[in-house]
Structures are given as structure tokens and as C-alpha cells.
Protein backbone atom coordinates (compact mmCIF):
# COMPACT_ATOMS: atom_id res chain seq x y z
CA UNK A 1 199.90 143.94 63.12
CA UNK A 2 202.70 145.20 60.84
CA UNK A 3 202.19 144.76 57.10
CA UNK A 4 205.26 145.42 54.93
CA UNK A 5 208.84 146.30 55.85
CA UNK A 6 208.38 149.96 56.78
CA UNK A 7 207.34 150.91 60.28
CA UNK A 8 207.99 154.67 59.93
CA UNK A 9 206.25 156.65 57.15
CA UNK A 10 208.80 158.43 54.97
CA UNK A 11 208.50 160.67 51.90
CA UNK A 12 210.95 162.67 49.82
CA UNK A 13 208.23 164.75 48.16
CA UNK A 14 207.23 167.46 50.59
CA UNK A 15 207.34 168.84 54.12
CA UNK A 16 206.53 172.19 55.75
CA UNK A 17 206.77 174.35 58.83
CA UNK A 18 204.93 177.52 59.80
CA UNK A 19 206.91 179.65 57.35
CA UNK A 20 207.92 177.40 54.46
CA UNK A 21 206.47 174.69 52.25
CA UNK A 22 209.21 172.46 50.82
CA UNK A 23 208.60 170.40 47.68
CA UNK A 24 211.36 168.11 46.44
CA UNK A 25 213.90 170.19 48.32
CA UNK A 26 212.74 173.53 46.93
CA UNK A 27 210.92 176.39 48.63
CA UNK A 28 207.50 176.30 46.98
CA UNK A 29 206.77 179.99 47.35
CA UNK A 30 210.21 181.32 46.47
CA UNK A 31 211.55 178.82 43.93
CA UNK A 32 208.61 177.15 42.22
CA UNK A 33 205.47 179.30 42.10
CA UNK A 34 205.70 181.52 39.03
CA UNK A 35 208.89 179.84 37.91
CA UNK A 36 207.59 176.48 36.68
CA UNK A 37 204.59 175.77 34.51
CA UNK A 38 202.18 173.17 35.79
CA UNK A 39 203.56 170.64 33.29
CA UNK A 40 207.11 171.29 34.49
CA UNK A 41 205.94 171.08 38.09
CA UNK A 42 204.19 167.77 37.43
CA UNK A 43 207.40 166.29 36.00
CA UNK A 44 209.33 167.70 38.95
CA UNK A 45 206.87 166.22 41.47
CA UNK A 46 207.01 162.78 39.90
CA UNK A 47 210.73 162.52 39.23
CA UNK A 48 212.34 164.98 41.65
CA UNK A 49 214.15 166.58 38.71
CA UNK A 50 213.43 169.81 36.89
CA UNK A 51 212.60 168.89 33.32
CA UNK A 52 214.62 170.00 30.35
CA UNK A 53 212.81 171.96 27.68
CA UNK A 54 212.42 168.75 25.66
CA UNK A 55 211.01 166.79 28.59
CA UNK A 56 208.52 169.53 29.42
CA UNK A 57 207.41 169.86 25.79
CA UNK A 58 206.80 166.14 25.38
CA UNK A 59 204.91 165.76 28.66
CA UNK A 60 202.84 168.82 27.81
CA UNK A 61 201.99 167.40 24.39
CA UNK A 62 200.76 164.14 25.87
CA UNK A 63 198.55 165.98 28.37
CA UNK A 64 196.99 168.00 25.57
CA UNK A 65 196.53 164.90 23.40
CA UNK A 66 194.53 162.88 25.92
CA UNK A 67 192.54 165.52 27.82
CA UNK A 68 189.35 165.09 25.81
CA UNK A 69 187.84 162.88 23.12
CA UNK A 70 184.13 163.69 23.24
CA UNK A 71 181.39 161.91 25.17
CA UNK A 72 183.45 158.85 26.02
CA UNK A 73 182.35 156.61 28.94
CA UNK A 74 184.35 158.51 31.57
CA UNK A 75 182.74 161.78 30.50
CA UNK A 76 179.25 160.30 30.43
CA UNK A 77 179.66 158.84 33.91
CA UNK A 78 180.94 162.18 35.15
CA UNK A 79 178.17 164.26 33.60
CA UNK A 80 175.38 161.92 34.74
CA UNK A 81 176.82 161.96 38.27
CA UNK A 82 176.82 165.76 38.33
CA UNK A 83 173.27 165.84 36.98
CA UNK A 84 172.21 163.72 39.95
CA UNK A 85 174.36 165.64 42.47
CA UNK A 86 175.07 169.13 41.10
CA UNK A 87 176.68 170.21 44.36
CA UNK A 88 179.39 167.54 44.18
CA UNK A 89 181.80 168.30 41.34
CA UNK A 90 184.50 166.33 43.16
CA UNK A 91 182.27 163.25 43.12
CA UNK A 92 181.53 163.71 39.44
CA UNK A 93 185.23 164.02 38.60
CA UNK A 94 185.92 160.92 40.68
CA UNK A 95 183.16 159.02 38.88
CA UNK A 96 184.88 159.66 35.57
CA UNK A 97 188.37 158.87 36.80
CA UNK A 98 187.29 155.64 38.48
CA UNK A 99 186.64 154.24 35.02
CA UNK A 100 190.32 154.45 34.07
CA UNK A 101 191.48 150.92 33.43
CA UNK A 102 193.01 148.59 30.89
CA UNK A 103 190.57 149.65 28.15
CA UNK A 104 190.16 153.37 28.84
CA UNK A 105 193.19 155.54 29.73
CA UNK A 106 195.06 152.78 31.62
CA UNK A 107 196.21 151.25 28.34
CA UNK A 108 199.13 153.72 28.24
CA UNK A 109 200.80 152.04 31.20
CA UNK A 110 200.21 148.58 29.72
CA UNK A 111 201.58 149.68 26.37
CA UNK A 112 204.63 151.15 28.08
CA UNK A 113 205.32 147.88 29.84
CA UNK A 114 205.01 146.03 26.56
CA UNK A 115 207.46 148.41 24.87
CA UNK A 116 209.87 147.95 27.78
CA UNK A 117 209.69 144.16 27.28
CA UNK A 118 210.50 144.61 23.60
CA UNK A 119 213.41 146.92 24.33
CA UNK A 120 214.88 144.39 26.75
CA UNK A 121 214.88 141.80 23.96
CA UNK A 122 216.48 144.26 21.52
CA UNK A 123 219.22 144.95 24.05
CA UNK A 124 219.83 141.20 24.15
CA UNK A 125 220.49 141.18 20.40
CA UNK A 126 217.14 140.71 18.68
CA UNK A 127 216.09 142.99 15.84
CA UNK A 128 213.24 145.42 16.43
CA UNK A 129 210.76 143.39 14.41
CA UNK A 130 211.84 140.03 15.84
CA UNK A 131 211.57 141.32 19.40
CA UNK A 132 208.20 142.92 18.70
CA UNK A 133 206.87 139.75 17.08
CA UNK A 134 208.01 137.63 20.03
CA UNK A 135 206.30 139.83 22.59
CA UNK A 136 203.11 140.25 20.55
CA UNK A 137 202.95 136.48 20.06
CA UNK A 138 203.40 135.96 23.81
CA UNK A 139 200.56 138.38 24.51
CA UNK A 140 198.28 136.59 22.05
CA UNK A 141 199.08 133.17 23.44
CA UNK A 142 198.26 134.45 26.91
CA UNK A 143 194.93 135.82 25.67
CA UNK A 144 195.98 139.42 26.30
CA UNK A 145 195.03 142.37 24.15
CA UNK A 146 197.81 144.31 22.43
CA UNK A 147 197.61 147.58 24.37
CA UNK A 148 197.72 150.80 22.37
CA UNK A 149 196.78 149.28 19.01
CA UNK A 150 193.42 149.49 17.28
CA UNK A 151 190.76 152.13 17.85
CA UNK A 152 186.96 152.00 17.39
CA UNK A 153 186.95 155.29 15.45
CA UNK A 154 190.44 155.79 14.05
CA UNK A 155 190.81 152.78 11.78
CA UNK A 156 193.93 154.20 10.19
CA UNK A 157 196.52 155.62 12.57
CA UNK A 158 195.12 157.75 15.36
CA UNK A 159 195.97 161.29 14.18
CA UNK A 160 197.43 162.11 17.59
CA UNK A 161 200.18 159.53 17.12
CA UNK A 162 202.11 161.39 14.44
CA UNK A 163 201.57 164.69 16.22
CA UNK A 164 203.21 163.30 19.37
CA UNK A 165 206.00 161.61 17.42
CA UNK A 166 206.68 164.91 15.63
CA UNK A 167 206.98 166.76 18.95
CA UNK A 168 209.40 164.15 20.28
CA UNK A 169 211.55 164.31 17.13
CA UNK A 170 211.52 168.11 17.03
CA UNK A 171 212.56 168.34 20.70
CA UNK A 172 215.41 165.87 20.29
CA UNK A 173 213.94 163.12 22.50
CA UNK A 174 215.28 159.57 22.40
CA UNK A 175 213.14 157.91 19.71
CA UNK A 176 213.95 154.30 20.54
CA UNK A 177 210.47 153.61 21.91
CA UNK A 178 208.71 155.28 18.99
CA UNK A 179 210.78 153.05 16.73
CA UNK A 180 209.67 149.98 18.69
CA UNK A 181 206.04 151.13 18.63
CA UNK A 182 206.30 151.27 14.84
CA UNK A 183 207.77 147.75 14.84
CA UNK A 184 204.80 146.41 16.79
CA UNK A 185 202.43 147.91 14.23
CA UNK A 186 204.42 146.26 11.42
CA UNK A 187 204.35 142.75 12.89
CA UNK A 188 200.74 142.72 14.12
CA UNK A 189 199.18 141.68 10.77
CA UNK A 190 201.33 138.55 10.55
CA UNK A 191 201.05 137.61 14.23
CA UNK A 192 197.46 138.63 14.91
CA UNK A 193 195.98 138.15 11.45
CA UNK A 194 194.60 141.67 11.03
CA UNK A 195 195.83 145.23 11.02
CA UNK A 196 195.73 147.16 14.27
CA UNK A 197 197.11 150.66 13.95
CA UNK A 198 198.89 152.64 16.63
CA UNK A 199 196.63 154.72 18.82
CA UNK A 200 197.41 157.46 21.31
CA UNK A 201 197.70 155.00 24.21
CA UNK A 202 200.86 153.53 22.66
CA UNK A 203 202.18 156.86 21.43
CA UNK A 204 202.08 158.38 24.92
CA UNK A 205 204.47 155.88 26.55
CA UNK A 206 206.62 155.80 23.43
CA UNK A 207 207.39 159.51 23.71
CA UNK A 208 207.34 159.76 27.52
CA UNK A 209 209.77 156.90 28.08
CA UNK A 210 212.01 158.59 25.55
CA UNK A 211 212.33 161.64 27.82
CA UNK A 212 212.95 159.72 31.01
CA UNK A 213 209.45 159.68 32.45
CA UNK A 214 209.16 156.71 34.83
CA UNK A 215 207.28 153.64 33.71
CA UNK A 216 205.48 153.47 37.05
CA UNK A 217 203.97 156.92 36.50
CA UNK A 218 202.59 156.39 33.01
CA UNK A 219 199.00 155.75 34.08
CA UNK A 220 198.99 159.06 35.94
CA UNK A 221 199.48 161.08 32.75
CA UNK A 222 196.12 160.27 31.11
CA UNK A 223 194.42 160.47 34.51
CA UNK A 224 195.78 163.97 35.06
CA UNK A 225 194.93 165.02 31.52
CA UNK A 226 191.41 163.61 31.59
CA UNK A 227 190.75 165.39 34.88
CA UNK A 228 191.13 168.66 33.00
CA UNK A 229 188.75 167.49 30.30
CA UNK A 230 186.20 166.32 32.85
CA UNK A 231 186.20 169.69 34.60
CA UNK A 232 185.47 171.34 31.25
CA UNK A 233 182.53 168.99 30.65
CA UNK A 234 181.24 169.55 34.17
CA UNK A 235 181.35 173.32 33.80
CA UNK A 236 179.31 172.92 30.63
CA UNK A 237 176.98 170.49 32.42
CA UNK A 238 176.22 173.13 35.06
CA UNK A 239 175.21 175.65 32.40
CA UNK A 240 173.74 173.25 29.84
CA UNK A 241 172.86 169.94 31.41
CA UNK A 242 172.79 166.82 29.27
CA UNK A 243 173.40 164.24 32.00
CA UNK A 244 169.79 163.12 32.11
CA UNK A 245 169.61 163.19 28.30
CA UNK A 246 172.53 160.74 28.24
CA UNK A 247 170.62 158.52 30.66
CA UNK A 248 167.51 158.74 28.48
CA UNK A 249 169.48 157.83 25.35
CA UNK A 250 170.86 154.77 27.13
CA UNK A 251 167.42 153.51 28.17
CA UNK A 252 165.60 154.38 24.94
CA UNK A 253 167.13 151.47 23.06
CA UNK A 254 167.08 149.13 26.04
CA UNK A 255 165.92 145.58 25.32
CA UNK A 256 164.88 143.60 28.39
CA UNK A 257 165.75 139.90 28.04
CA UNK A 258 164.81 138.57 31.46
CA UNK A 259 161.71 136.78 32.73
CA UNK A 260 158.42 138.66 33.14
CA UNK A 261 155.57 138.20 35.61
CA UNK A 262 152.30 136.89 34.15
CA UNK A 263 150.21 139.65 32.64
CA UNK A 264 153.07 142.18 32.33
CA UNK A 265 152.76 144.40 29.26
CA UNK A 266 155.70 146.42 27.99
CA UNK A 267 155.43 150.17 28.26
CA UNK A 268 152.88 150.16 31.09
């Protein structure tokens, strides 16, 4: 049974023979290794284009910004997995990455799509604030969260936002999406009824889209960055394990609310 239009697998990313590995048309050993940083190589892999200095600087800044933020759920899942299976770092990394979704890490892609919707309206003649208000209102009416706004810890603006915006401005990136991200923050109080400040998940697509990074690849940036952070936590876990302590902390405050068999006494 054939599913989809393609019957022959095709890729423009890489190929090889016994002497040469080709990546995006370049000889890996002769033209890329030692000549591109990993950030530059990542951009090259995704887009097929060598990044400009500005593009590389902005992508690099976003990777640094999102690599780690303490014992967040992805890190806890990863460390507890390694505690249970210390010989399987790959499984522990996967456990953390599998939690990337619309709330954790995946919000960057959703925020990018929202900003793209707003830009389309601006290009049709609406002002920044009017376009932002229309899209935010549509999201609210559909029962959707406003991705990239609000943070459980950073009640004022996430400090990483301005740092990323400063890098983009300093490197001469197109700031249209950062401008639209600001517009969303301005209109949220009137549309939503409370203040929700920009967080890093909106800042990342705002600066990346401004340097030509593809919308479809946005979710990959925090996934790649967080992989680095997880490896750091797992190296620490191997030398100073807290995975089982995290499990203990979770169960210590546990309140059971289900039915109990007759004669059952708590703590026995």
C-alpha cells in the first residue's frame, strides 16, 4: 500500500561514498569540519545555506538562552530515568526531550506561527496593534493559550527577552517580528484582561524569523538547546545522583484521594 505521493525516498541533505561524505553539497571533511562552528553547521543543515555572521550570532544566542533553566520537568524526568537506568544516557536524554510540547519548549513554534499570522495582517494594511489584537482575540475565542506570554517565575519580562532582542538589534537582524512581539504584549491586557509579559518562547521565534530561520524548524531550536542542558544534568547525576531524591520529594507531599479497603491505615 502506498501512502503519500512519493514512491522513491529523496533527500538533499547528505550522501556519501567510500571516500567522501557530502552534506548539503559540501565535502564534510574538507569544507565543513574545522571551518564552521556547530551553530553555523546547524543553520547550514536546516536551511542549506551558510549563515551570515548575524544569522549565526542570533541562532547561537537562542541556543544559549534556552539550554537550561534549573530542575524543570524535562530535567527531572531525565535525571530520574538515569537514576533508574544509569547505563542508558540516551534513554534519559530521550525521556527529557519527549516532554517537549505546547507548554514546555514547543511554545516557540506556536509563538512563531502566531507572529506570522500577525505579520500577514500587517502586510494587508492593519497596524501592528490592531493586527495583534485581532489574532490574540481569535486565540482567546478559540480557547487557545497565547504562546510565549506569561511565566510562572518571571512575572515581569523574562530577562532573556531583552538579551535576545539586543543581540538581534546589534547584529542588524530584521526586527519586524520583535516589533510584533512587543505589540502582542501591549494588547494583551485589554483583550485578555490581565498582563502577560513576553517570555523567552516568544523572543526566540521573534529573533530567529528575523534572520531567515524557517518557521517549520523553530521547535528544533529549543530541543537542540535543551539536549545540551540535559547532558550537563546527566553528567552531574552520574557523579552526584539526585534522581531518587526528586522522586522522594514528589511522593512526600502526596495526598491519596481514592477509595481504601476496609481496615487500611495510612503509613503502614
